[in-house]
Amino acid sequence: MSDCVFCRLIAGTLPAAFVHRDARVVAFMDAGQVNDGHVIVATARHAATICDIDDDEAAAAFRLAARLARAVRREFGAAGVTILQANEPAGFQTVPHFHLHVLPRHPGDGVGLEWPAKRPPFERLLEISSRVHAALSAPAAE
């Protein structure tokens, strides 16, 4: 997709510092480098969100993210690693191409990730779990 910045990076029409490339997924350094070792894992083909990738791509992306998390934690002495994946503008996705952020973390690095816990009653959790279970069991809509 010519207007997708990640597709342009993958195609080589924009420069990128790649750390991995295969038929399903690629990994390159995030140009913003929140912390040293901040890597992006993306599908090799254009797919806008997690809902648009197949199970093999999902497995390949998360397998690579786990390998990268271990590597950057070790290499950069990180106290932790955040794996972030966002979908659609309402989910804070800024580049409409499926990707994961592998972000080495250090105490006091200034990165925040907080949301309000609503703490519904357990009965409500059971209702919600029933709906999710039914949705998971239903055939996928095309």
N, C-alpha and C. Protein backbone atom coordinates (compact mmCIF):
# COMPACT_ATOMS: atom_id res chain seq x y z
N MET A 1 0.85 -1.18 0.00
CA MET A 1 0.00 0.00 0.00
C MET A 1 0.90 1.24 0.00
N SER A 2 0.83 2.02 -1.05
CA SER A 2 1.80 3.10 -1.26
C SER A 2 1.70 4.24 -0.25
N ASP A 3 0.54 4.44 0.39
CA ASP A 3 0.42 5.53 1.35
C ASP A 3 0.70 5.08 2.78
N CYS A 4 1.03 3.82 2.98
CA CYS A 4 1.33 3.29 4.32
C CYS A 4 2.83 3.44 4.60
N VAL A 5 3.17 4.16 5.65
CA VAL A 5 4.58 4.40 5.96
C VAL A 5 5.32 3.09 6.24
N PHE A 6 4.69 2.14 6.91
CA PHE A 6 5.37 0.88 7.18
C PHE A 6 5.58 0.08 5.90
N CYS A 7 4.60 0.10 4.99
CA CYS A 7 4.78 -0.58 3.70
C CYS A 7 5.94 0.04 2.93
N ARG A 8 6.07 1.35 3.02
CA ARG A 8 7.18 2.02 2.34
C ARG A 8 8.52 1.66 2.98
N LEU A 9 8.56 1.54 4.29
CA LEU A 9 9.79 1.09 4.96
C LEU A 9 10.14 -0.33 4.53
N ILE A 10 9.14 -1.20 4.52
CA ILE A 10 9.36 -2.61 4.16
C ILE A 10 9.80 -2.73 2.71
N ALA A 11 9.22 -1.91 1.83
CA ALA A 11 9.58 -1.94 0.40
C ALA A 11 10.94 -1.31 0.13
N GLY A 12 11.47 -0.56 1.09
CA GLY A 12 12.77 0.07 0.90
C GLY A 12 12.70 1.45 0.28
N THR A 13 11.51 2.01 0.13
CA THR A 13 11.41 3.37 -0.42
C THR A 13 11.62 4.43 0.66
N LEU A 14 11.60 4.02 1.91
CA LEU A 14 12.01 4.86 3.04
C LEU A 14 13.06 4.09 3.82
N PRO A 15 14.04 4.77 4.41
CA PRO A 15 15.08 4.06 5.15
C PRO A 15 14.57 3.51 6.48
N ALA A 16 15.06 2.33 6.82
CA ALA A 16 14.72 1.70 8.10
C ALA A 16 15.90 0.88 8.58
N ALA A 17 16.08 0.82 9.88
CA ALA A 17 17.14 0.00 10.49
C ALA A 17 16.51 -1.33 10.90
N PHE A 18 16.56 -2.30 9.98
CA PHE A 18 15.93 -3.61 10.22
C PHE A 18 16.79 -4.48 11.13
N VAL A 19 16.12 -5.22 11.98
CA VAL A 19 16.80 -6.23 12.80
C VAL A 19 16.34 -7.63 12.44
N HIS A 20 15.24 -7.74 11.67
CA HIS A 20 14.72 -9.05 11.26
C HIS A 20 13.81 -8.86 10.05
N ARG A 21 13.89 -9.83 9.13
CA ARG A 21 12.98 -9.88 7.98
C ARG A 21 12.74 -11.32 7.63
N ASP A 22 11.47 -11.70 7.45
CA ASP A 22 11.15 -13.00 6.87
C ASP A 22 9.85 -12.85 6.08
N ALA A 23 9.29 -13.95 5.60
CA ALA A 23 8.12 -13.88 4.73
C ALA A 23 6.88 -13.34 5.44
N ARG A 24 6.79 -13.50 6.76
CA ARG A 24 5.59 -13.09 7.49
C ARG A 24 5.73 -11.78 8.25
N VAL A 25 6.90 -11.58 8.88
CA VAL A 25 7.07 -10.41 9.76
C VAL A 25 8.43 -9.76 9.57
N VAL A 26 8.47 -8.49 9.94
CA VAL A 26 9.72 -7.73 9.93
C VAL A 26 9.85 -7.05 11.29
N ALA A 27 11.07 -6.66 11.62
CA ALA A 27 11.31 -5.88 12.83
C ALA A 27 12.33 -4.81 12.50
N PHE A 28 12.04 -3.58 12.94
CA PHE A 28 12.94 -2.47 12.69
C PHE A 28 12.90 -1.53 13.88
N MET A 29 13.92 -0.70 13.99
CA MET A 29 14.01 0.23 15.11
C MET A 29 12.95 1.31 14.97
N ASP A 30 12.26 1.61 16.06
CA ASP A 30 11.31 2.73 16.07
C ASP A 30 12.12 4.01 15.97
N ALA A 31 11.78 4.86 15.01
CA ALA A 31 12.54 6.10 14.81
C ALA A 31 12.47 7.02 16.02
N GLY A 32 11.43 6.88 16.84
CA GLY A 32 11.27 7.71 18.02
C GLY A 32 12.10 7.27 19.21
N GLN A 33 12.51 6.02 19.26
CA GLN A 33 13.34 5.46 20.34
C GLN A 33 12.98 6.01 21.71
N VAL A 34 11.81 5.64 22.23
CA VAL A 34 11.43 6.05 23.58
C VAL A 34 12.54 5.69 24.56
N ASN A 35 13.07 4.49 24.43
CA ASN A 35 14.28 4.04 25.13
C ASN A 35 15.13 3.28 24.12
N ASP A 36 16.44 3.24 24.32
CA ASP A 36 17.30 2.48 23.41
C ASP A 36 16.80 1.04 23.34
N GLY A 37 16.70 0.52 22.11
CA GLY A 37 16.24 -0.84 21.90
C GLY A 37 14.76 -0.93 21.57
N HIS A 38 14.07 0.20 21.41
CA HIS A 38 12.64 0.24 21.07
C HIS A 38 12.48 -0.26 19.63
N VAL A 39 11.86 -1.43 19.49
CA VAL A 39 11.73 -2.10 18.20
C VAL A 39 10.25 -2.22 17.81
N ILE A 40 9.98 -2.10 16.52
CA ILE A 40 8.65 -2.34 15.95
C ILE A 40 8.67 -3.69 15.26
N VAL A 41 7.68 -4.53 15.54
CA VAL A 41 7.45 -5.78 14.82
C VAL A 41 6.18 -5.56 14.00
N ALA A 42 6.25 -5.79 12.69
CA ALA A 42 5.09 -5.56 11.81
C ALA A 42 4.93 -6.73 10.85
N THR A 43 3.71 -6.90 10.35
CA THR A 43 3.50 -7.91 9.33
C THR A 43 4.20 -7.47 8.04
N ALA A 44 4.72 -8.44 7.30
CA ALA A 44 5.40 -8.13 6.04
C ALA A 44 4.39 -7.64 5.00
N ARG A 45 3.19 -8.18 5.03
CA ARG A 45 2.15 -7.71 4.10
C ARG A 45 1.32 -6.66 4.82
N HIS A 46 0.66 -5.82 4.05
CA HIS A 46 -0.18 -4.79 4.67
C HIS A 46 -1.43 -5.43 5.27
N ALA A 47 -1.64 -5.18 6.53
CA ALA A 47 -2.85 -5.55 7.25
C ALA A 47 -3.04 -4.45 8.28
N ALA A 48 -4.18 -3.81 8.28
CA ALA A 48 -4.36 -2.62 9.11
C ALA A 48 -4.36 -2.90 10.61
N THR A 49 -5.05 -3.94 11.05
CA THR A 49 -5.20 -4.19 12.49
C THR A 49 -5.03 -5.67 12.79
N ILE A 50 -5.08 -6.01 14.06
CA ILE A 50 -4.99 -7.41 14.48
C ILE A 50 -6.14 -8.23 13.91
N CYS A 51 -7.27 -7.58 13.63
CA CYS A 51 -8.42 -8.28 13.06
C CYS A 51 -8.19 -8.65 11.59
N ASP A 52 -7.16 -8.10 10.98
CA ASP A 52 -6.87 -8.34 9.56
C ASP A 52 -5.73 -9.31 9.32
N ILE A 53 -5.09 -9.81 10.37
CA ILE A 53 -3.98 -10.75 10.19
C ILE A 53 -4.48 -12.17 10.42
N ASP A 54 -3.77 -13.13 9.82
CA ASP A 54 -4.16 -14.52 10.04
C ASP A 54 -3.40 -15.09 11.25
N ASP A 55 -3.79 -16.29 11.65
CA ASP A 55 -3.21 -16.89 12.85
C ASP A 55 -1.70 -17.11 12.71
N ASP A 56 -1.24 -17.46 11.51
CA ASP A 56 0.20 -17.66 11.31
C ASP A 56 0.97 -16.35 11.48
N GLU A 57 0.43 -15.26 10.96
CA GLU A 57 1.07 -13.96 11.13
C GLU A 57 1.07 -13.54 12.60
N ALA A 58 -0.04 -13.78 13.28
CA ALA A 58 -0.11 -13.44 14.71
C ALA A 58 0.93 -14.23 15.50
N ALA A 59 1.02 -15.52 15.22
CA ALA A 59 1.99 -16.36 15.93
C ALA A 59 3.41 -15.89 15.64
N ALA A 60 3.70 -15.60 14.37
CA ALA A 60 5.05 -15.15 14.00
C ALA A 60 5.38 -13.82 14.67
N ALA A 61 4.42 -12.89 14.70
CA ALA A 61 4.67 -11.57 15.30
C ALA A 61 4.94 -11.69 16.80
N PHE A 62 4.13 -12.45 17.50
CA PHE A 62 4.31 -12.55 18.95
C PHE A 62 5.52 -13.41 19.32
N ARG A 63 5.84 -14.41 18.50
CA ARG A 63 7.07 -15.19 18.72
C ARG A 63 8.29 -14.29 18.59
N LEU A 64 8.31 -13.47 17.54
CA LEU A 64 9.43 -12.55 17.34
C LEU A 64 9.48 -11.51 18.44
N ALA A 65 8.33 -10.99 18.86
CA ALA A 65 8.30 -10.01 19.95
C ALA A 65 8.88 -10.60 21.23
N ALA A 66 8.58 -11.85 21.52
CA ALA A 66 9.13 -12.49 22.72
C ALA A 66 10.65 -12.63 22.62
N ARG A 67 11.14 -13.02 21.45
CA ARG A 67 12.59 -13.13 21.25
C ARG A 67 13.26 -11.76 21.39
N LEU A 68 12.65 -10.75 20.79
CA LEU A 68 13.20 -9.40 20.89
C LEU A 68 13.16 -8.87 22.32
N ALA A 69 12.10 -9.16 23.05
CA ALA A 69 12.00 -8.71 24.44
C ALA A 69 13.17 -9.26 25.25
N ARG A 70 13.46 -10.54 25.08
CA ARG A 70 14.60 -11.13 25.81
C ARG A 70 15.91 -10.49 25.38
N ALA A 71 16.05 -10.25 24.07
CA ALA A 71 17.30 -9.69 23.55
C ALA A 71 17.53 -8.25 24.02
N VAL A 72 16.50 -7.40 23.93
CA VAL A 72 16.71 -5.99 24.31
C VAL A 72 16.80 -5.83 25.82
N ARG A 73 16.11 -6.68 26.56
CA ARG A 73 16.24 -6.61 28.03
C ARG A 73 17.68 -6.91 28.43
N ARG A 74 18.22 -7.94 27.81
CA ARG A 74 19.61 -8.33 28.11
C ARG A 74 20.60 -7.27 27.61
N GLU A 75 20.45 -6.85 26.37
CA GLU A 75 21.42 -5.95 25.74
C GLU A 75 21.43 -4.55 26.35
N PHE A 76 20.26 -4.05 26.75
CA PHE A 76 20.18 -2.68 27.25
C PHE A 76 19.95 -2.61 28.76
N GLY A 77 20.07 -3.75 29.44
CA GLY A 77 19.93 -3.77 30.89
C GLY A 77 18.58 -3.28 31.38
N ALA A 78 17.53 -3.58 30.63
CA ALA A 78 16.20 -3.10 30.99
C ALA A 78 15.67 -3.81 32.23
N ALA A 79 14.96 -3.05 33.05
CA ALA A 79 14.32 -3.62 34.24
C ALA A 79 13.02 -4.31 33.88
N GLY A 80 12.49 -4.04 32.70
CA GLY A 80 11.26 -4.64 32.22
C GLY A 80 11.09 -4.36 30.74
N VAL A 81 10.06 -4.93 30.15
CA VAL A 81 9.76 -4.71 28.74
C VAL A 81 8.25 -4.57 28.61
N THR A 82 7.81 -3.55 27.88
CA THR A 82 6.40 -3.39 27.57
C THR A 82 6.19 -3.79 26.12
N ILE A 83 5.21 -4.67 25.89
CA ILE A 83 4.78 -5.02 24.53
C ILE A 83 3.45 -4.31 24.34
N LEU A 84 3.37 -3.44 23.33
CA LEU A 84 2.17 -2.65 23.11
C LEU A 84 1.64 -2.89 21.71
N GLN A 85 0.34 -3.13 21.60
CA GLN A 85 -0.31 -3.31 20.31
C GLN A 85 -1.64 -2.56 20.36
N ALA A 86 -1.88 -1.66 19.41
CA ALA A 86 -3.09 -0.84 19.41
C ALA A 86 -3.81 -0.97 18.07
N ASN A 87 -5.15 -0.83 18.10
CA ASN A 87 -5.96 -0.99 16.89
C ASN A 87 -6.98 0.12 16.75
N GLU A 88 -7.02 0.71 15.56
CA GLU A 88 -7.98 1.76 15.23
C GLU A 88 -7.68 3.03 16.03
N PRO A 89 -8.13 4.17 15.54
CA PRO A 89 -7.88 5.41 16.27
C PRO A 89 -8.41 5.39 17.71
N ALA A 90 -9.57 4.77 17.94
CA ALA A 90 -10.12 4.72 19.30
C ALA A 90 -9.23 3.90 20.23
N GLY A 91 -8.43 3.00 19.65
CA GLY A 91 -7.50 2.19 20.44
C GLY A 91 -6.09 2.78 20.46
N PHE A 92 -5.94 4.01 19.99
CA PHE A 92 -4.66 4.74 19.96
C PHE A 92 -3.68 4.24 18.92
N GLN A 93 -4.16 3.57 17.85
CA GLN A 93 -3.28 3.17 16.76
C GLN A 93 -2.97 4.40 15.93
N THR A 94 -1.69 4.67 15.70
CA THR A 94 -1.29 5.85 14.93
C THR A 94 -0.83 5.52 13.51
N VAL A 95 -0.38 4.29 13.28
CA VAL A 95 0.00 3.85 11.94
C VAL A 95 -0.92 2.68 11.58
N PRO A 96 -1.75 2.81 10.53
CA PRO A 96 -2.71 1.77 10.21
C PRO A 96 -2.09 0.57 9.48
N HIS A 97 -1.16 -0.08 10.16
CA HIS A 97 -0.51 -1.31 9.69
C HIS A 97 -0.23 -2.09 10.97
N PHE A 98 -0.67 -3.35 11.04
CA PHE A 98 -0.51 -4.12 12.27
C PHE A 98 0.94 -4.09 12.73
N HIS A 99 1.13 -3.76 14.00
CA HIS A 99 2.48 -3.76 14.56
C HIS A 99 2.43 -3.86 16.08
N LEU A 100 3.55 -4.29 16.62
CA LEU A 100 3.79 -4.37 18.05
C LEU A 100 4.97 -3.48 18.39
N HIS A 101 4.91 -2.81 19.51
CA HIS A 101 6.07 -2.10 20.04
C HIS A 101 6.72 -3.01 21.07
N VAL A 102 8.01 -3.22 20.95
CA VAL A 102 8.79 -3.92 21.98
C VAL A 102 9.64 -2.82 22.61
N LEU A 103 9.29 -2.46 23.84
CA LEU A 103 9.85 -1.28 24.47
C LEU A 103 10.57 -1.63 25.77
N PRO A 104 11.92 -1.62 25.76
CA PRO A 104 12.67 -1.83 27.00
C PRO A 104 12.31 -0.73 28.00
N ARG A 105 12.16 -1.11 29.27
CA ARG A 105 11.74 -0.14 30.29
C ARG A 105 12.77 -0.02 31.40
N HIS A 106 12.85 1.18 31.93
CA HIS A 106 13.76 1.49 33.04
C HIS A 106 13.00 2.32 34.07
N PRO A 107 13.28 2.16 35.35
CA PRO A 107 12.61 2.98 36.36
C PRO A 107 12.79 4.47 36.04
N GLY A 108 11.70 5.22 36.13
CA GLY A 108 11.77 6.66 35.89
C GLY A 108 11.92 7.06 34.44
N ASP A 109 11.63 6.15 33.47
CA ASP A 109 11.83 6.50 32.06
C ASP A 109 10.75 7.43 31.50
N GLY A 110 9.75 7.74 32.30
CA GLY A 110 8.73 8.69 31.88
C GLY A 110 7.61 8.12 31.03
N VAL A 111 7.65 6.83 30.73
CA VAL A 111 6.61 6.21 29.93
C VAL A 111 5.46 5.82 30.85
N GLY A 112 4.24 6.20 30.48
CA GLY A 112 3.08 5.88 31.31
C GLY A 112 2.11 4.97 30.58
N LEU A 113 1.40 4.18 31.33
CA LEU A 113 0.37 3.31 30.77
C LEU A 113 -0.62 3.02 31.89
N GLU A 114 -1.65 3.83 31.95
CA GLU A 114 -2.63 3.70 33.03
C GLU A 114 -4.03 3.82 32.47
N TRP A 115 -4.98 3.12 33.11
CA TRP A 115 -6.39 3.29 32.80
C TRP A 115 -7.20 3.06 34.06
N PRO A 116 -8.41 3.63 34.09
CA PRO A 116 -9.21 3.51 35.31
C PRO A 116 -9.83 2.11 35.42
N ALA A 117 -9.65 1.46 36.54
CA ALA A 117 -10.29 0.17 36.79
C ALA A 117 -11.72 0.44 37.25
N LYS A 118 -12.69 -0.21 36.61
CA LYS A 118 -14.10 0.05 36.94
C LYS A 118 -14.64 -0.92 38.00
N ARG A 119 -14.00 -2.05 38.19
CA ARG A 119 -14.36 -3.02 39.23
C ARG A 119 -15.85 -3.37 39.28
N PRO A 120 -16.39 -3.95 38.19
CA PRO A 120 -17.80 -4.34 38.21
C PRO A 120 -18.02 -5.52 39.16
N PRO A 121 -19.26 -5.73 39.58
CA PRO A 121 -19.54 -6.90 40.43
C PRO A 121 -19.24 -8.19 39.67
N PHE A 122 -18.95 -9.25 40.39
CA PHE A 122 -18.59 -10.53 39.78
C PHE A 122 -19.68 -11.02 38.82
N GLU A 123 -20.94 -10.80 39.16
CA GLU A 123 -22.04 -11.23 38.29
C GLU A 123 -21.93 -10.56 36.92
N ARG A 124 -21.52 -9.32 36.90
CA ARG A 124 -21.33 -8.61 35.63
C ARG A 124 -20.17 -9.23 34.86
N LEU A 125 -19.09 -9.60 35.55
CA LEU A 125 -17.98 -10.28 34.88
C LEU A 125 -18.44 -11.58 34.24
N LEU A 126 -19.32 -12.31 34.93
CA LEU A 126 -19.86 -13.56 34.37
C LEU A 126 -20.68 -13.28 33.11
N GLU A 127 -21.50 -12.24 33.13
CA GLU A 127 -22.28 -11.86 31.95
C GLU A 127 -21.36 -11.51 30.78
N ILE A 128 -20.35 -10.71 31.05
CA ILE A 128 -19.42 -10.30 30.00
C ILE A 128 -18.66 -11.51 29.46
N SER A 129 -18.22 -12.40 30.36
CA SER A 129 -17.46 -13.58 29.91
C SER A 129 -18.33 -14.47 29.03
N SER A 130 -19.61 -14.57 29.33
CA SER A 130 -20.52 -15.36 28.51
C SER A 130 -20.63 -14.78 27.10
N ARG A 131 -20.72 -13.47 27.00
CA ARG A 131 -20.79 -12.81 25.69
C ARG A 131 -19.50 -13.00 24.90
N VAL A 132 -18.36 -12.86 25.57
CA VAL A 132 -17.07 -13.03 24.90
C VAL A 132 -16.92 -14.48 24.43
N HIS A 133 -17.29 -15.43 25.28
CA HIS A 133 -17.20 -16.85 24.91
C HIS A 133 -18.06 -17.13 23.68
N ALA A 134 -19.29 -16.60 23.65
CA ALA A 134 -20.17 -16.81 22.50
C ALA A 134 -19.58 -16.17 21.24
N ALA A 135 -19.02 -14.98 21.38
CA ALA A 135 -18.42 -14.30 20.22
C ALA A 135 -17.20 -15.06 19.71
N LEU A 136 -16.43 -15.63 20.63
CA LEU A 136 -15.25 -16.40 20.25
C LEU A 136 -15.65 -17.68 19.52
N SER A 137 -16.77 -18.25 19.90
CA SER A 137 -17.24 -19.50 19.30
C SER A 137 -17.98 -19.30 17.99
N ALA A 138 -18.45 -18.08 17.71
CA ALA A 138 -19.22 -17.80 16.50
C ALA A 138 -18.31 -17.76 15.28
N PRO A 139 -18.86 -18.09 14.11
CA PRO A 139 -18.05 -17.98 12.89
C PRO A 139 -17.63 -16.53 12.66
N ALA A 140 -16.44 -16.35 12.14
CA ALA A 140 -15.93 -15.00 11.88
C ALA A 140 -16.73 -14.35 10.76
N ALA A 141 -17.06 -13.09 10.94
CA ALA A 141 -17.76 -12.33 9.90
C ALA A 141 -16.72 -11.84 8.89
N GLU A 142 -17.04 -11.94 7.66
CA GLU A 142 -16.10 -11.50 6.61
C GLU A 142 -16.39 -10.11 6.20
